[in-house]
C-alpha atoms as a PDB file:
ATOM      1  CA  PHE A   1     -92.382 -13.639 173.426  1.00  0.00           C
ATOM      2  CA  GLY A   2     -88.950 -12.325 173.951  1.00  0.00           C
ATOM      3  CA  SER A   3     -88.378 -12.002 170.133  1.00  0.00           C
ATOM      4  CA  ARG A   4     -87.008  -8.584 168.569  1.00  0.00           C
ATOM      5  CA  PHE A   5     -89.395  -9.056 165.776  1.00  0.00           C
ATOM      6  CA  TRP A   6     -92.476  -9.088 168.147  1.00  0.00           C
ATOM      7  CA  ALA A   7     -94.222  -6.010 169.259  1.00  0.00           C
ATOM      8  CA  PRO A   8     -97.613  -5.754 171.145  1.00  0.00           C
ATOM      9  CA  ARG A   9    -100.666  -4.451 169.030  1.00  0.00           C
ATOM     10  CA  GLY A  10    -101.112  -0.467 168.648  1.00  0.00           C
ATOM     11  CA  SER A  11     -97.137   0.230 169.296  1.00  0.00           C
ATOM     12  CA  SER A  12     -94.726   0.550 166.536  1.00  0.00           C
ATOM     13  CA  ARG A  13     -91.413  -0.170 166.646  1.00  0.00           C
ATOM     14  CA  PRO A  14     -88.485   0.693 164.055  1.00  0.00           C
ATOM     15  CA  PRO A  15     -87.066  -2.048 162.193  1.00  0.00           C
ATOM     16  CA  PRO A  16     -83.551  -3.057 163.598  1.00  0.00           C
ATOM     17  CA  GLU A  17     -80.727  -0.747 162.190  1.00  0.00           C
ATOM     18  CA  ASP A  18     -79.011  -3.779 160.369  1.00  0.00           C
ATOM     19  CA  CYS A  19     -81.766  -4.265 158.088  1.00  0.00           C
ATOM     20  CA  ALA A  20     -81.789  -0.964 156.412  1.00  0.00           C
ATOM     21  CA  PRO A  21     -79.864  -1.122 153.137  1.00  0.00           C
ATOM     22  CA  SER A  22     -77.488   1.646 152.465  1.00  0.00           C
ATOM     23  CA  PRO A  23     -78.760   4.505 150.016  1.00  0.00           C
ATOM     24  CA  ALA A  24     -75.846   3.604 147.675  1.00  0.00           C
ATOM     25  CA  ILE A  25     -76.967   0.044 147.239  1.00  0.00           C
ATOM     26  CA  VAL A  26     -80.175   1.115 146.643  1.00  0.00           C
ATOM     27  CA  SER A  27     -79.307   3.873 143.912  1.00  0.00           C
ATOM     28  CA  GLN A  28     -77.009   1.071 142.379  1.00  0.00           C
ATOM     29  CA  GLY A  29     -80.130  -1.281 142.232  1.00  0.00           C
ATOM     30  CA  VAL A  30     -82.393   1.215 140.518  1.00  0.00           C
ATOM     31  CA  ALA A  31     -79.804   1.941 138.124  1.00  0.00           C
ATOM     32  CA  MET A  32     -79.390  -1.517 137.372  1.00  0.00           C
ATOM     33  CA  ALA A  33     -83.291  -2.102 136.962  1.00  0.00           C
ATOM     34  CA  ALA A  34     -83.454   0.715 134.727  1.00  0.00           C
ATOM     35  CA  THR A  35     -80.800  -0.594 132.364  1.00  0.00           C
ATOM     36  CA  LEU A  36     -81.945  -3.918 132.723  1.00  0.00           C
ATOM     37  CA  PHE A  37     -85.454  -3.409 132.165  1.00  0.00           C
ATOM     38  CA  ALA A  38     -85.594  -0.356 129.612  1.00  0.00           C
ATOM     39  CA  GLY A  39     -88.716  -0.031 127.644  1.00  0.00           C
ATOM     40  CA  GLN A  40     -90.334  -2.608 129.903  1.00  0.00           C
ATOM     41  CA  GLU A  41     -92.709  -2.645 132.877  1.00  0.00           C
ATOM     42  CA  PRO A  42     -90.853  -4.573 135.626  1.00  0.00           C
ATOM     43  CA  LYS A  43     -93.039  -7.426 137.150  1.00  0.00           C
ATOM     44  CA  ALA A  44     -90.781  -9.712 138.755  1.00  0.00           C
ATOM     45  CA  VAL A  45     -92.326  -9.399 142.181  1.00  0.00           C
ATOM     46  CA  GLU A  46     -95.774  -9.660 140.798  1.00  0.00           C
ATOM     47  CA  SER A  47     -94.751 -12.814 138.821  1.00  0.00           C
ATOM     48  CA  LEU A  48     -92.897 -14.499 141.401  1.00  0.00           C
ATOM     49  CA  VAL A  49     -95.825 -13.944 143.685  1.00  0.00           C
ATOM     50  CA  SER A  50     -98.680 -14.946 141.368  1.00  0.00           C
ATOM     51  CA  ASP A  51     -96.708 -18.363 140.398  1.00  0.00           C
ATOM     52  CA  LEU A  52     -96.537 -18.704 144.219  1.00  0.00           C
ATOM     53  CA  LYS A  53    -100.358 -18.685 144.576  1.00  0.00           C
ATOM     54  CA  MET A  54    -100.910 -20.926 141.753  1.00  0.00           C
ATOM     55  CA  LEU A  55     -98.408 -23.423 143.428  1.00  0.00           C
ATOM     56  CA  ALA A  56    -100.220 -23.329 146.731  1.00  0.00           C
ATOM     57  CA  ALA A  57    -103.468 -23.570 144.672  1.00  0.00           C
ATOM     58  CA  TYR A  58    -102.520 -26.657 142.824  1.00  0.00           C
ATOM     59  CA  GLU A  59    -101.129 -27.973 146.012  1.00  0.00           C
ATOM     60  CA  THR A  60    -104.459 -27.432 147.954  1.00  0.00           C
ATOM     61  CA  ALA A  61    -106.575 -28.675 145.011  1.00  0.00           C
ATOM     62  CA  ALA A  62    -104.534 -32.066 144.974  1.00  0.00           C
ATOM     63  CA  ASP A  63    -105.071 -32.479 148.763  1.00  0.00           C
ATOM     64  CA  TRP A  64    -108.757 -32.334 147.940  1.00  0.00           C
ATOM     65  CA  ARG A  65    -108.318 -34.110 144.871  1.00  0.00           C
ATOM     66  CA  GLU A  66    -109.883 -31.631 142.702  1.00  0.00           C
ATOM     67  CA  ASN A  67    -108.943 -32.249 139.113  1.00  0.00           C
ATOM     68  CA  GLY A  68    -110.236 -29.114 137.725  1.00  0.00           C
ATOM     69  CA  ALA A  69    -108.822 -26.752 140.043  1.00  0.00           C
ATOM     70  CA  MET A  70    -105.513 -28.635 139.846  1.00  0.00           C
ATOM     71  CA  THR A  71    -105.685 -28.265 135.861  1.00  0.00           C
ATOM     72  CA  ALA A  72    -106.594 -24.346 136.229  1.00  0.00           C
ATOM     73  CA  ALA A  73    -103.893 -23.750 138.576  1.00  0.00           C
ATOM     74  CA  PHE A  74    -101.263 -25.525 136.588  1.00  0.00           C
ATOM     75  CA  ALA A  75    -102.557 -23.769 133.624  1.00  0.00           C
ATOM     76  CA  ALA A  76    -102.328 -20.262 135.325  1.00  0.00           C
ATOM     77  CA  LEU A  77     -98.508 -20.220 135.787  1.00  0.00           C
ATOM     78  CA  SER A  78     -96.774 -17.943 133.898  1.00  0.00           C
ATOM     79  CA  TRP A  79     -95.456 -20.655 131.070  1.00  0.00           C
ATOM     80  CA  ASP A  80     -95.363 -17.859 128.608  1.00  0.00           C
ATOM     81  CA  ASP A  81     -92.763 -15.912 130.425  1.00  0.00           C
ATOM     82  CA  ALA A  82     -89.737 -15.311 127.896  1.00  0.00           C
ATOM     83  CA  HIS A  83     -87.434 -14.439 130.654  1.00  0.00           C
ATOM     84  CA  VAL A  84     -87.788 -17.911 132.372  1.00  0.00           C
ATOM     85  CA  LYS A  85     -87.870 -19.798 129.202  1.00  0.00           C
ATOM     86  CA  THR A  86     -84.471 -18.674 128.545  1.00  0.00           C
ATOM     87  CA  ALA A  87     -83.411 -19.183 132.043  1.00  0.00           C
ATOM     88  CA  LEU A  88     -84.715 -22.728 132.386  1.00  0.00           C
ATOM     89  CA  PRO A  89     -81.965 -24.506 130.494  1.00  0.00           C
ATOM     90  CA  GLU A  90     -79.360 -22.044 131.935  1.00  0.00           C
ATOM     91  CA  TYR A  91     -80.653 -23.542 135.574  1.00  0.00           C
ATOM     92  CA  LEU A  92     -81.055 -27.012 134.572  1.00  0.00           C
ATOM     93  CA  ALA A  93     -77.299 -27.064 133.549  1.00  0.00           C
ATOM     94  CA  SER A  94     -76.148 -25.055 136.647  1.00  0.00           C
ATOM     95  CA  ALA A  95     -74.048 -26.171 139.641  1.00  0.00           C
ATOM     96  CA  GLY A  96     -72.425 -25.106 142.593  1.00  0.00           C
ATOM     97  CA  ALA A  97     -72.679 -22.087 144.322  1.00  0.00           C
ATOM     98  CA  GLU A  98     -75.269 -20.273 141.734  1.00  0.00           C
ATOM     99  CA  ARG A  99     -77.528 -23.425 142.210  1.00  0.00           C
ATOM    100  CA  ALA A 100     -77.122 -23.590 145.831  1.00  0.00           C
ATOM    101  CA  LYS A 101     -78.440 -19.943 146.151  1.00  0.00           C
ATOM    102  CA  VAL A 102     -81.553 -20.339 143.890  1.00  0.00           C
ATOM    103  CA  ASP A 103     -82.339 -23.850 145.809  1.00  0.00           C
ATOM    104  CA  TYR A 104     -81.625 -21.952 149.137  1.00  0.00           C
ATOM    105  CA  ALA A 105     -84.134 -19.127 148.330  1.00  0.00           C
ATOM    106  CA  PHE A 106     -86.714 -21.638 146.758  1.00  0.00           C
ATOM    107  CA  ASN A 107     -86.777 -23.692 149.776  1.00  0.00           C
ATOM    108  CA  ALA A 108     -87.473 -20.735 152.167  1.00  0.00           C
ATOM    109  CA  LEU A 109     -90.291 -20.099 150.055  1.00  0.00           C
ATOM    110  CA  VAL A 110     -91.656 -23.437 149.517  1.00  0.00           C
ATOM    111  CA  PRO A 111     -90.612 -25.542 152.085  1.00  0.00           C
ATOM    112  CA  ARG A 112     -92.256 -29.161 151.032  1.00  0.00           C
ATOM    113  CA  PRO A 113     -90.796 -30.825 148.226  1.00  0.00           C
ATOM    114  CA  PRO A 114     -93.182 -31.867 145.333  1.00  0.00           C
ATOM    115  CA  ALA A 115     -95.304 -35.511 145.508  1.00  0.00           C
ATOM    116  CA  ASP A 116     -93.356 -38.040 144.226  1.00  0.00           C
ATOM    117  CA  ILE A 117     -96.278 -39.190 141.870  1.00  0.00           C
ATOM    118  CA  ASP A 118     -96.957 -35.901 140.623  1.00  0.00           C
ATOM    119  CA  GLY A 119     -94.639 -34.559 137.749  1.00  0.00           C
ATOM    120  CA  LYS A 120     -96.969 -31.434 137.210  1.00  0.00           C
ATOM    121  CA  GLN A 121     -96.100 -30.228 140.715  1.00  0.00           C
ATOM    122  CA  ALA A 122     -92.499 -30.912 140.164  1.00  0.00           C
ATOM    123  CA  ALA A 123     -92.416 -29.149 136.767  1.00  0.00           C
ATOM    124  CA  MET A 124     -94.031 -26.005 138.745  1.00  0.00           C
ATOM    125  CA  HIS A 125     -91.238 -26.117 141.106  1.00  0.00           C
ATOM    126  CA  THR A 126     -88.718 -26.333 138.366  1.00  0.00           C
ATOM    127  CA  TRP A 127     -90.321 -23.332 136.795  1.00  0.00           C
ATOM    128  CA  ILE A 128     -90.289 -21.418 139.736  1.00  0.00           C
ATOM    129  CA  LYS A 129     -86.696 -22.278 140.470  1.00  0.00           C
ATOM    130  CA  ALA A 130     -85.972 -21.091 136.596  1.00  0.00           C
ATOM    131  CA  ARG A 131     -87.590 -17.787 137.527  1.00  0.00           C
ATOM    132  CA  LEU A 132     -85.459 -17.439 141.145  1.00  0.00           C
ATOM    133  CA  PHE A 133     -82.448 -18.373 138.562  1.00  0.00           C
ATOM    134  CA  SER A 134     -82.961 -15.494 136.304  1.00  0.00           C
ATOM    135  CA  TYR A 135     -83.593 -13.116 139.073  1.00  0.00           C
ATOM    136  CA  ASN A 136     -80.308 -14.328 140.710  1.00  0.00           C
ATOM    137  CA  LYS A 137     -78.662 -13.569 137.138  1.00  0.00           C
ATOM    138  CA  ALA A 138     -79.574  -9.988 137.017  1.00  0.00           C
ATOM    139  CA  PHE A 139     -79.457  -9.176 140.784  1.00  0.00           C
ATOM    140  CA  PRO A 140     -77.515 -11.771 142.415  1.00  0.00           C
ATOM    141  CA  PHE A 141     -78.791 -13.191 146.007  1.00  0.00           C
ATOM    142  CA  GLN A 142     -76.919 -12.049 149.155  1.00  0.00           C
ATOM    143  CA  PHE A 143     -77.800 -14.528 151.851  1.00  0.00           C
ATOM    144  CA  ASN A 144     -76.143 -14.595 155.488  1.00  0.00           C
ATOM    145  CA  PRO A 145     -77.278 -17.222 157.773  1.00  0.00           C
ATOM    146  CA  TYR A 146     -75.079 -15.682 160.645  1.00  0.00           C
ATOM    147  CA  LYS A 147     -76.554 -12.201 160.704  1.00  0.00           C
END
């Protein structure tokens, strides 16, 4: 295990220096978040993780052919989120670099494509991509595959 990310149990190793964001970037992000979500409780991470959990639950239920669990997981997705509802048509109309960044982020989170015969699973994938698109609009993703 010669990886720089692996450390034996009980030993702590600080993260590489190039992983830490600069204080200026952090304060800029906090200021942007404060103005964007003024008067709202930001739940971006909670909502994304919740949707990913429901997608995993749906896929697991589909593997076991548990229709009741599939229906429950599909219904539990955040279909009432106004931010995603407004971002959905924008995501579907997008092309080029904006869509590529969102698809890249989604494929990193969900590496398996939806089943060809399952429209609900494809709808869940599109909904989560629209959520990521709304996040990318507010706070543009920055990916560097060489670092």
